[in-house]
Amino acid sequence: MLNEEYQQSEKRAQSVRDRIASVENVSEALFEEWTAELKQHSNATLRQTSHKQLTQTRSQYAQLIKAMKRAEAKMDPVLGKLKDHVLF
């Protein structure tokens, strides 16, 4: 029974890791596209405004990913302790 709980927890932790990786992949693609689009603006004011928004969005994204990674890092020690109990 405890082993089943551990296995289920490990699957959920992997799901979290996969979702974080997915967020990183999609966001990087979007940032690359946004950066490329900046070069297409003929209006300097619009380009500058868009660049400012991109910079702000990247900063907010970095904070979000940092928080997600902190939460992810807390999973492994808990899973390790649970595994120890399963093995015991």
C-alpha atoms as a PDB file:
ATOM      1  CA  MET A   1       0.000   0.000   0.000  1.00  0.00           C
ATOM      2  CA  LEU A   2       2.736   2.461   0.912  1.00  0.00           C
ATOM      3  CA  ASN A   3       4.627   1.503  -2.240  1.00  0.00           C
ATOM      4  CA  GLU A   4       1.530   2.319  -4.308  1.00  0.00           C
ATOM      5  CA  GLU A   5       1.397   5.746  -2.677  1.00  0.00           C
ATOM      6  CA  TYR A   6       5.059   6.268  -3.479  1.00  0.00           C
ATOM      7  CA  GLN A   7       4.592   5.209  -7.107  1.00  0.00           C
ATOM      8  CA  GLN A   8       1.605   7.527  -7.458  1.00  0.00           C
ATOM      9  CA  SER A   9       3.550  10.410  -5.911  1.00  0.00           C
ATOM     10  CA  GLU A  10       6.478   9.777  -8.243  1.00  0.00           C
ATOM     11  CA  LYS A  11       4.131   9.886 -11.253  1.00  0.00           C
ATOM     12  CA  ARG A  12       2.637  13.153 -10.068  1.00  0.00           C
ATOM     13  CA  ALA A  13       6.088  14.647  -9.517  1.00  0.00           C
ATOM     14  CA  GLN A  14       7.106  13.646 -13.036  1.00  0.00           C
ATOM     15  CA  SER A  15       3.932  15.232 -14.350  1.00  0.00           C
ATOM     16  CA  VAL A  16       4.906  18.491 -12.644  1.00  0.00           C
ATOM     17  CA  ARG A  17       8.410  18.294 -14.140  1.00  0.00           C
ATOM     18  CA  ASP A  18       6.930  17.665 -17.587  1.00  0.00           C
ATOM     19  CA  ARG A  19       4.560  20.620 -17.283  1.00  0.00           C
ATOM     20  CA  ILE A  20       7.369  22.941 -16.243  1.00  0.00           C
ATOM     21  CA  ALA A  21       9.437  21.806 -19.232  1.00  0.00           C
ATOM     22  CA  SER A  22       6.440  22.366 -21.490  1.00  0.00           C
ATOM     23  CA  VAL A  23       5.939  25.893 -20.153  1.00  0.00           C
ATOM     24  CA  GLU A  24       9.620  26.624 -20.748  1.00  0.00           C
ATOM     25  CA  ASN A  25       9.519  25.297 -24.311  1.00  0.00           C
ATOM     26  CA  VAL A  26       6.374  27.177 -25.297  1.00  0.00           C
ATOM     27  CA  SER A  27       7.432  30.425 -23.663  1.00  0.00           C
ATOM     28  CA  GLU A  28      10.854  30.410 -25.302  1.00  0.00           C
ATOM     29  CA  ALA A  29       9.224  29.877 -28.705  1.00  0.00           C
ATOM     30  CA  LEU A  30       6.832  32.752 -28.033  1.00  0.00           C
ATOM     31  CA  PHE A  31       9.649  35.048 -26.906  1.00  0.00           C
ATOM     32  CA  GLU A  32      11.638  34.219 -30.040  1.00  0.00           C
ATOM     33  CA  GLU A  33       8.614  34.973 -32.216  1.00  0.00           C
ATOM     34  CA  TRP A  34       7.937  38.222 -30.370  1.00  0.00           C
ATOM     35  CA  THR A  35      11.575  39.280 -30.777  1.00  0.00           C
ATOM     36  CA  ALA A  36      11.455  38.558 -34.505  1.00  0.00           C
ATOM     37  CA  GLU A  37       8.241  40.554 -34.836  1.00  0.00           C
ATOM     38  CA  LEU A  38       9.893  43.590 -33.255  1.00  0.00           C
ATOM     39  CA  LYS A  39      12.070  43.929 -36.353  1.00  0.00           C
ATOM     40  CA  GLN A  40       8.973  44.077 -38.546  1.00  0.00           C
ATOM     41  CA  HIS A  41       7.523  47.226 -36.963  1.00  0.00           C
ATOM     42  CA  SER A  42       7.876  50.277 -39.147  1.00  0.00           C
ATOM     43  CA  ASN A  43       6.574  52.548 -36.397  1.00  0.00           C
ATOM     44  CA  ALA A  44       9.367  53.234 -33.894  1.00  0.00           C
ATOM     45  CA  THR A  45       6.969  54.083 -31.067  1.00  0.00           C
ATOM     46  CA  LEU A  46       5.085  50.825 -31.453  1.00  0.00           C
ATOM     47  CA  ARG A  47       8.378  48.912 -31.660  1.00  0.00           C
ATOM     48  CA  GLN A  48       9.662  50.559 -28.469  1.00  0.00           C
ATOM     49  CA  THR A  49       6.402  49.915 -26.629  1.00  0.00           C
ATOM     50  CA  SER A  50       6.368  46.292 -27.741  1.00  0.00           C
ATOM     51  CA  HIS A  51      10.021  45.894 -26.720  1.00  0.00           C
ATOM     52  CA  LYS A  52       9.229  47.309 -23.278  1.00  0.00           C
ATOM     53  CA  GLN A  53       6.304  44.904 -22.917  1.00  0.00           C
ATOM     54  CA  LEU A  54       8.536  42.008 -23.985  1.00  0.00           C
ATOM     55  CA  THR A  55      11.123  42.957 -21.375  1.00  0.00           C
ATOM     56  CA  GLN A  56       8.476  43.192 -18.649  1.00  0.00           C
ATOM     57  CA  THR A  57       6.901  39.907 -19.707  1.00  0.00           C
ATOM     58  CA  ARG A  58      10.279  38.133 -19.694  1.00  0.00           C
ATOM     59  CA  SER A  59      10.918  39.446 -16.195  1.00  0.00           C
ATOM     60  CA  GLN A  60       7.540  38.237 -14.923  1.00  0.00           C
ATOM     61  CA  TYR A  61       8.092  34.910 -16.673  1.00  0.00           C
ATOM     62  CA  ALA A  62      11.497  34.519 -15.006  1.00  0.00           C
ATOM     63  CA  GLN A  63       9.884  35.034 -11.599  1.00  0.00           C
ATOM     64  CA  LEU A  64       7.184  32.485 -12.401  1.00  0.00           C
ATOM     65  CA  ILE A  65       9.671  29.853 -13.589  1.00  0.00           C
ATOM     66  CA  LYS A  66      11.849  30.496 -10.546  1.00  0.00           C
ATOM     67  CA  ALA A  67       8.858  29.837  -8.259  1.00  0.00           C
ATOM     68  CA  MET A  68       7.939  26.711 -10.208  1.00  0.00           C
ATOM     69  CA  LYS A  69      11.516  25.409  -9.970  1.00  0.00           C
ATOM     70  CA  ARG A  70      11.594  26.077  -6.210  1.00  0.00           C
ATOM     71  CA  ALA A  71       8.410  24.068  -5.797  1.00  0.00           C
ATOM     72  CA  GLU A  72       9.832  21.313  -8.013  1.00  0.00           C
ATOM     73  CA  ALA A  73      13.025  21.170  -5.927  1.00  0.00           C
ATOM     74  CA  LYS A  74      10.982  20.549  -2.778  1.00  0.00           C
ATOM     75  CA  MET A  75       9.461  17.387  -4.244  1.00  0.00           C
ATOM     76  CA  ASP A  76      12.611  15.277  -4.417  1.00  0.00           C
ATOM     77  CA  PRO A  77      13.519  15.381  -0.704  1.00  0.00           C
ATOM     78  CA  VAL A  78       9.951  14.426   0.219  1.00  0.00           C
ATOM     79  CA  LEU A  79       9.920  11.609  -2.334  1.00  0.00           C
ATOM     80  CA  GLY A  80      13.276  10.431  -1.018  1.00  0.00           C
ATOM     81  CA  LYS A  81      11.950  10.181   2.526  1.00  0.00           C
ATOM     82  CA  LEU A  82       8.842   8.397   1.341  1.00  0.00           C
ATOM     83  CA  LYS A  83      10.984   5.947  -0.629  1.00  0.00           C
ATOM     84  CA  ASP A  84      13.082   5.271   2.479  1.00  0.00           C
ATOM     85  CA  HIS A  85       9.924   4.356   4.382  1.00  0.00           C
ATOM     86  CA  VAL A  86       8.749   2.125   1.547  1.00  0.00           C
ATOM     87  CA  LEU A  87      12.099   0.321   1.526  1.00  0.00           C
ATOM     88  CA  PHE A  88      12.096  -0.031   5.289  1.00  0.00           C
END
